[in-house]
Amino acid sequence: MPKQILPSLRERNRYMAFEIISDSDIERGDVVKAVWNSVLQFLGELGASRTSLWVMEWDDKKKKGILKVNHKSVDEVRSALALVKEINRERVILHILGVSGTVKRTREKYLKEK
């Protein structure tokens, strides 16, 4: 069994809550594809690999989700996501709700129904 990585050596992550404003329904696969394409175009392959980007959650009904990002790449990913203008040839707006240091706090603060 491999040794665990010390907390001081682990990568620090941030969790970005986002919503997609559109008239049509959007599936998780389409969201993942649009996010990755935008990040790859904006940052290139090397820059995208350094972001440690991962689509953690996606709710089809609410059209909201959570992205996991390296703490150093939050601003770069936020800029890349601002460039998403369409998904499946449908006009969309990708809106960042906020960024937090834990998944639990992100869910509580940004994805909870008001």
N, C-alpha and C. Protein backbone atom coordinates (compact mmCIF):
# COMPACT_ATOMS: atom_id res chain seq x y z
N MET A 1 0.84 -1.18 0.00
CA MET A 1 0.00 0.00 0.00
C MET A 1 0.89 1.26 0.00
N PRO A 2 0.61 2.20 -0.92
CA PRO A 2 1.45 3.40 -0.98
C PRO A 2 1.23 4.30 0.23
N LYS A 3 2.26 5.07 0.54
CA LYS A 3 2.18 6.01 1.66
C LYS A 3 1.26 7.18 1.30
N GLN A 4 0.60 7.74 2.31
CA GLN A 4 -0.23 8.91 2.09
C GLN A 4 0.65 10.14 1.93
N ILE A 5 0.16 11.09 1.17
CA ILE A 5 0.88 12.34 0.97
C ILE A 5 0.63 13.23 2.18
N LEU A 6 1.67 13.86 2.65
CA LEU A 6 1.55 14.78 3.78
C LEU A 6 0.64 15.96 3.42
N PRO A 7 -0.14 16.47 4.36
CA PRO A 7 -1.02 17.60 4.06
C PRO A 7 -0.29 18.81 3.50
N SER A 8 0.93 19.03 3.93
CA SER A 8 1.70 20.17 3.43
C SER A 8 2.11 20.02 1.97
N LEU A 9 2.09 18.80 1.45
CA LEU A 9 2.48 18.54 0.07
C LEU A 9 1.30 18.36 -0.87
N ARG A 10 0.10 18.28 -0.31
CA ARG A 10 -1.09 18.08 -1.14
C ARG A 10 -1.45 19.35 -1.90
N GLU A 11 -2.10 19.14 -3.02
CA GLU A 11 -2.56 20.25 -3.82
C GLU A 11 -3.78 20.89 -3.14
N ARG A 12 -3.79 22.20 -3.06
CA ARG A 12 -4.93 22.90 -2.47
C ARG A 12 -5.94 23.20 -3.57
N ASN A 13 -7.19 22.91 -3.29
CA ASN A 13 -8.23 23.07 -4.29
C ASN A 13 -9.23 24.15 -3.89
N ARG A 14 -9.91 24.68 -4.87
CA ARG A 14 -11.02 25.58 -4.67
C ARG A 14 -12.20 24.99 -5.44
N TYR A 15 -13.38 25.30 -4.98
CA TYR A 15 -14.59 24.75 -5.58
C TYR A 15 -15.43 25.91 -6.07
N MET A 16 -15.70 25.90 -7.38
CA MET A 16 -16.44 26.98 -8.02
C MET A 16 -17.87 26.52 -8.29
N ALA A 17 -18.82 27.24 -7.73
CA ALA A 17 -20.22 26.98 -8.03
C ALA A 17 -20.59 27.81 -9.26
N PHE A 18 -21.31 27.20 -10.19
CA PHE A 18 -21.70 27.91 -11.40
C PHE A 18 -23.11 27.51 -11.81
N GLU A 19 -23.73 28.35 -12.60
CA GLU A 19 -25.03 28.03 -13.18
C GLU A 19 -25.00 28.38 -14.65
N ILE A 20 -25.82 27.69 -15.40
CA ILE A 20 -25.93 27.96 -16.82
C ILE A 20 -27.34 28.47 -17.08
N ILE A 21 -27.42 29.63 -17.68
CA ILE A 21 -28.71 30.23 -18.00
C ILE A 21 -28.98 29.94 -19.47
N SER A 22 -30.04 29.17 -19.71
CA SER A 22 -30.41 28.84 -21.09
C SER A 22 -31.87 28.42 -21.14
N ASP A 23 -32.41 28.41 -22.34
CA ASP A 23 -33.81 28.02 -22.52
C ASP A 23 -33.98 26.51 -22.61
N SER A 24 -32.96 25.81 -23.06
CA SER A 24 -33.08 24.37 -23.26
C SER A 24 -32.40 23.60 -22.13
N ASP A 25 -32.71 22.31 -22.04
CA ASP A 25 -32.07 21.44 -21.05
C ASP A 25 -30.66 21.10 -21.50
N ILE A 26 -29.77 20.99 -20.53
CA ILE A 26 -28.37 20.69 -20.82
C ILE A 26 -27.95 19.51 -19.96
N GLU A 27 -27.30 18.54 -20.59
CA GLU A 27 -26.86 17.35 -19.88
C GLU A 27 -25.42 17.53 -19.39
N ARG A 28 -25.05 16.67 -18.44
CA ARG A 28 -23.73 16.75 -17.82
C ARG A 28 -22.61 16.63 -18.86
N GLY A 29 -22.72 15.71 -19.78
CA GLY A 29 -21.69 15.51 -20.79
C GLY A 29 -21.46 16.75 -21.65
N ASP A 30 -22.54 17.44 -21.96
CA ASP A 30 -22.42 18.66 -22.76
C ASP A 30 -21.73 19.77 -21.98
N VAL A 31 -22.02 19.84 -20.68
CA VAL A 31 -21.38 20.85 -19.83
C VAL A 31 -19.88 20.57 -19.74
N VAL A 32 -19.53 19.31 -19.49
CA VAL A 32 -18.11 18.94 -19.39
C VAL A 32 -17.37 19.28 -20.68
N LYS A 33 -17.96 18.94 -21.80
CA LYS A 33 -17.33 19.20 -23.09
C LYS A 33 -17.15 20.70 -23.33
N ALA A 34 -18.16 21.50 -23.01
CA ALA A 34 -18.07 22.95 -23.22
C ALA A 34 -17.03 23.58 -22.32
N VAL A 35 -16.99 23.17 -21.05
CA VAL A 35 -16.02 23.72 -20.10
C VAL A 35 -14.60 23.37 -20.54
N TRP A 36 -14.35 22.11 -20.85
CA TRP A 36 -13.01 21.69 -21.26
C TRP A 36 -12.57 22.36 -22.57
N ASN A 37 -13.49 22.46 -23.53
CA ASN A 37 -13.12 23.12 -24.79
C ASN A 37 -12.73 24.57 -24.57
N SER A 38 -13.47 25.26 -23.73
CA SER A 38 -13.18 26.65 -23.45
C SER A 38 -11.83 26.81 -22.75
N VAL A 39 -11.57 25.96 -21.75
CA VAL A 39 -10.30 26.04 -21.03
C VAL A 39 -9.13 25.68 -21.94
N LEU A 40 -9.30 24.67 -22.78
CA LEU A 40 -8.23 24.28 -23.71
C LEU A 40 -7.94 25.39 -24.72
N GLN A 41 -8.98 26.03 -25.23
CA GLN A 41 -8.76 27.11 -26.20
C GLN A 41 -8.09 28.31 -25.55
N PHE A 42 -8.50 28.63 -24.33
CA PHE A 42 -7.98 29.82 -23.67
C PHE A 42 -6.58 29.62 -23.10
N LEU A 43 -6.32 28.47 -22.48
CA LEU A 43 -5.05 28.24 -21.80
C LEU A 43 -4.09 27.32 -22.54
N GLY A 44 -4.58 26.55 -23.49
CA GLY A 44 -3.75 25.57 -24.17
C GLY A 44 -3.68 24.28 -23.33
N GLU A 45 -3.05 23.28 -23.88
CA GLU A 45 -3.00 21.98 -23.19
C GLU A 45 -2.18 22.03 -21.91
N LEU A 46 -1.06 22.70 -21.94
CA LEU A 46 -0.21 22.78 -20.75
C LEU A 46 -0.91 23.56 -19.63
N GLY A 47 -1.49 24.69 -19.98
CA GLY A 47 -2.20 25.50 -18.98
C GLY A 47 -3.41 24.78 -18.42
N ALA A 48 -4.14 24.06 -19.27
CA ALA A 48 -5.32 23.32 -18.82
C ALA A 48 -4.92 22.19 -17.87
N SER A 49 -3.78 21.57 -18.14
CA SER A 49 -3.34 20.48 -17.26
C SER A 49 -2.95 21.00 -15.88
N ARG A 50 -2.47 22.22 -15.82
CA ARG A 50 -2.07 22.81 -14.54
C ARG A 50 -3.25 23.25 -13.69
N THR A 51 -4.44 23.35 -14.26
CA THR A 51 -5.60 23.81 -13.51
C THR A 51 -6.20 22.72 -12.63
N SER A 52 -5.94 21.46 -12.95
CA SER A 52 -6.55 20.31 -12.24
C SER A 52 -8.08 20.42 -12.26
N LEU A 53 -8.60 20.84 -13.37
CA LEU A 53 -10.04 21.07 -13.52
C LEU A 53 -10.82 19.77 -13.51
N TRP A 54 -11.94 19.77 -12.78
CA TRP A 54 -12.81 18.60 -12.71
C TRP A 54 -14.24 19.07 -12.47
N VAL A 55 -15.18 18.58 -13.28
CA VAL A 55 -16.59 18.88 -13.05
C VAL A 55 -17.09 17.86 -12.04
N MET A 56 -17.29 18.31 -10.80
CA MET A 56 -17.65 17.40 -9.72
C MET A 56 -19.14 17.07 -9.72
N GLU A 57 -19.97 18.08 -9.83
CA GLU A 57 -21.41 17.88 -9.74
C GLU A 57 -22.11 18.66 -10.84
N TRP A 58 -23.26 18.15 -11.25
CA TRP A 58 -24.11 18.87 -12.19
C TRP A 58 -25.55 18.45 -11.94
N ASP A 59 -26.42 19.42 -11.75
CA ASP A 59 -27.85 19.18 -11.55
C ASP A 59 -28.59 19.64 -12.80
N ASP A 60 -29.17 18.67 -13.53
CA ASP A 60 -29.86 18.99 -14.79
C ASP A 60 -31.06 19.90 -14.58
N LYS A 61 -31.78 19.71 -13.49
CA LYS A 61 -33.00 20.49 -13.27
C LYS A 61 -32.71 21.94 -12.89
N LYS A 62 -31.77 22.13 -11.97
CA LYS A 62 -31.44 23.49 -11.52
C LYS A 62 -30.45 24.18 -12.44
N LYS A 63 -29.77 23.40 -13.28
CA LYS A 63 -28.72 23.88 -14.18
C LYS A 63 -27.59 24.53 -13.39
N LYS A 64 -27.21 23.87 -12.29
CA LYS A 64 -26.11 24.35 -11.46
C LYS A 64 -25.12 23.23 -11.23
N GLY A 65 -23.86 23.60 -10.97
CA GLY A 65 -22.84 22.59 -10.75
C GLY A 65 -21.67 23.13 -9.96
N ILE A 66 -20.72 22.23 -9.71
CA ILE A 66 -19.51 22.58 -8.97
C ILE A 66 -18.29 22.09 -9.76
N LEU A 67 -17.31 22.97 -9.90
CA LEU A 67 -16.03 22.64 -10.52
C LEU A 67 -14.95 22.62 -9.45
N LYS A 68 -14.05 21.65 -9.52
CA LYS A 68 -12.88 21.62 -8.64
C LYS A 68 -11.70 22.17 -9.45
N VAL A 69 -10.96 23.11 -8.85
CA VAL A 69 -9.87 23.78 -9.54
C VAL A 69 -8.70 23.95 -8.57
N ASN A 70 -7.49 23.90 -9.08
CA ASN A 70 -6.30 24.19 -8.30
C ASN A 70 -6.38 25.64 -7.79
N HIS A 71 -5.94 25.90 -6.57
CA HIS A 71 -6.09 27.24 -5.98
C HIS A 71 -5.34 28.32 -6.76
N LYS A 72 -4.31 27.96 -7.49
CA LYS A 72 -3.55 28.95 -8.25
C LYS A 72 -4.22 29.30 -9.58
N SER A 73 -5.18 28.48 -10.01
CA SER A 73 -5.77 28.64 -11.34
C SER A 73 -7.18 29.18 -11.34
N VAL A 74 -7.67 29.65 -10.23
CA VAL A 74 -9.07 30.10 -10.14
C VAL A 74 -9.36 31.23 -11.12
N ASP A 75 -8.52 32.24 -11.16
CA ASP A 75 -8.76 33.38 -12.05
C ASP A 75 -8.69 32.99 -13.52
N GLU A 76 -7.75 32.11 -13.86
CA GLU A 76 -7.62 31.67 -15.25
C GLU A 76 -8.84 30.89 -15.70
N VAL A 77 -9.32 29.98 -14.85
CA VAL A 77 -10.51 29.19 -15.20
C VAL A 77 -11.74 30.08 -15.27
N ARG A 78 -11.84 31.02 -14.36
CA ARG A 78 -12.98 31.95 -14.37
C ARG A 78 -13.01 32.73 -15.69
N SER A 79 -11.85 33.16 -16.16
CA SER A 79 -11.77 33.88 -17.42
C SER A 79 -12.15 32.99 -18.60
N ALA A 80 -11.69 31.74 -18.57
CA ALA A 80 -12.00 30.81 -19.65
C ALA A 80 -13.50 30.51 -19.69
N LEU A 81 -14.12 30.38 -18.53
CA LEU A 81 -15.55 30.08 -18.49
C LEU A 81 -16.41 31.24 -18.97
N ALA A 82 -15.89 32.45 -18.83
CA ALA A 82 -16.62 33.61 -19.33
C ALA A 82 -16.75 33.58 -20.85
N LEU A 83 -15.90 32.81 -21.50
CA LEU A 83 -15.92 32.73 -22.96
C LEU A 83 -16.91 31.70 -23.51
N VAL A 84 -17.54 30.91 -22.64
CA VAL A 84 -18.54 29.94 -23.10
C VAL A 84 -19.80 30.70 -23.50
N LYS A 85 -20.13 30.63 -24.77
CA LYS A 85 -21.29 31.36 -25.28
C LYS A 85 -22.39 30.44 -25.81
N GLU A 86 -22.02 29.20 -26.15
CA GLU A 86 -23.05 28.27 -26.62
C GLU A 86 -22.67 26.83 -26.30
N ILE A 87 -23.72 26.04 -26.07
CA ILE A 87 -23.58 24.61 -25.83
C ILE A 87 -24.61 23.93 -26.72
N ASN A 88 -24.15 23.01 -27.54
CA ASN A 88 -25.02 22.31 -28.51
C ASN A 88 -25.78 23.29 -29.40
N ARG A 89 -25.08 24.30 -29.87
CA ARG A 89 -25.65 25.32 -30.77
C ARG A 89 -26.80 26.10 -30.14
N GLU A 90 -26.88 26.11 -28.84
CA GLU A 90 -27.87 26.90 -28.09
C GLU A 90 -27.11 28.00 -27.35
N ARG A 91 -27.60 29.21 -27.41
CA ARG A 91 -26.99 30.33 -26.70
C ARG A 91 -27.13 30.12 -25.20
N VAL A 92 -26.05 30.29 -24.47
CA VAL A 92 -26.05 30.12 -23.01
C VAL A 92 -25.23 31.23 -22.35
N ILE A 93 -25.47 31.40 -21.06
CA ILE A 93 -24.65 32.27 -20.23
C ILE A 93 -24.16 31.41 -19.09
N LEU A 94 -22.85 31.32 -18.91
CA LEU A 94 -22.28 30.58 -17.81
C LEU A 94 -21.92 31.59 -16.73
N HIS A 95 -22.60 31.50 -15.59
CA HIS A 95 -22.46 32.47 -14.51
C HIS A 95 -21.80 31.80 -13.31
N ILE A 96 -20.69 32.38 -12.84
CA ILE A 96 -20.01 31.86 -11.65
C ILE A 96 -20.72 32.43 -10.42
N LEU A 97 -21.24 31.53 -9.57
CA LEU A 97 -21.94 31.95 -8.37
C LEU A 97 -20.97 32.32 -7.25
N GLY A 98 -19.86 31.58 -7.17
CA GLY A 98 -18.87 31.88 -6.14
C GLY A 98 -17.82 30.79 -6.03
N VAL A 99 -16.81 31.07 -5.22
CA VAL A 99 -15.69 30.15 -5.02
C VAL A 99 -15.51 29.94 -3.52
N SER A 100 -15.25 28.70 -3.14
CA SER A 100 -15.05 28.38 -1.74
C SER A 100 -13.93 27.35 -1.61
N GLY A 101 -13.46 27.16 -0.38
CA GLY A 101 -12.37 26.24 -0.13
C GLY A 101 -12.80 24.81 0.16
N THR A 102 -14.09 24.59 0.45
CA THR A 102 -14.59 23.25 0.72
C THR A 102 -15.86 22.99 -0.08
N VAL A 103 -16.09 21.73 -0.38
CA VAL A 103 -17.28 21.35 -1.14
C VAL A 103 -18.53 21.63 -0.30
N LYS A 104 -18.44 21.30 0.97
CA LYS A 104 -19.59 21.48 1.87
C LYS A 104 -20.03 22.95 1.92
N ARG A 105 -19.09 23.83 2.06
CA ARG A 105 -19.39 25.26 2.12
C ARG A 105 -19.93 25.76 0.78
N THR A 106 -19.41 25.24 -0.31
CA THR A 106 -19.89 25.63 -1.63
C THR A 106 -21.35 25.23 -1.81
N ARG A 107 -21.68 24.01 -1.41
CA ARG A 107 -23.08 23.55 -1.51
C ARG A 107 -24.00 24.41 -0.64
N GLU A 108 -23.58 24.65 0.60
CA GLU A 108 -24.41 25.42 1.52
C GLU A 108 -24.64 26.84 1.05
N LYS A 109 -23.60 27.49 0.62
CA LYS A 109 -23.68 28.91 0.32
C LYS A 109 -24.26 29.21 -1.06
N TYR A 110 -23.91 28.40 -2.06
CA TYR A 110 -24.25 28.78 -3.43
C TYR A 110 -25.31 27.90 -4.10
N LEU A 111 -25.46 26.66 -3.69
CA LEU A 111 -26.38 25.77 -4.38
C LEU A 111 -27.68 25.52 -3.62
N LYS A 112 -27.75 26.00 -2.41
CA LYS A 112 -28.93 25.80 -1.59
C LYS A 112 -30.08 26.67 -2.11
N GLU A 113 -31.27 26.10 -2.16
CA GLU A 113 -32.45 26.87 -2.59
C GLU A 113 -32.80 27.91 -1.56
N LYS A 114 -33.17 29.08 -2.03
CA LYS A 114 -33.51 30.17 -1.11
C LYS A 114 -34.99 30.39 -1.04
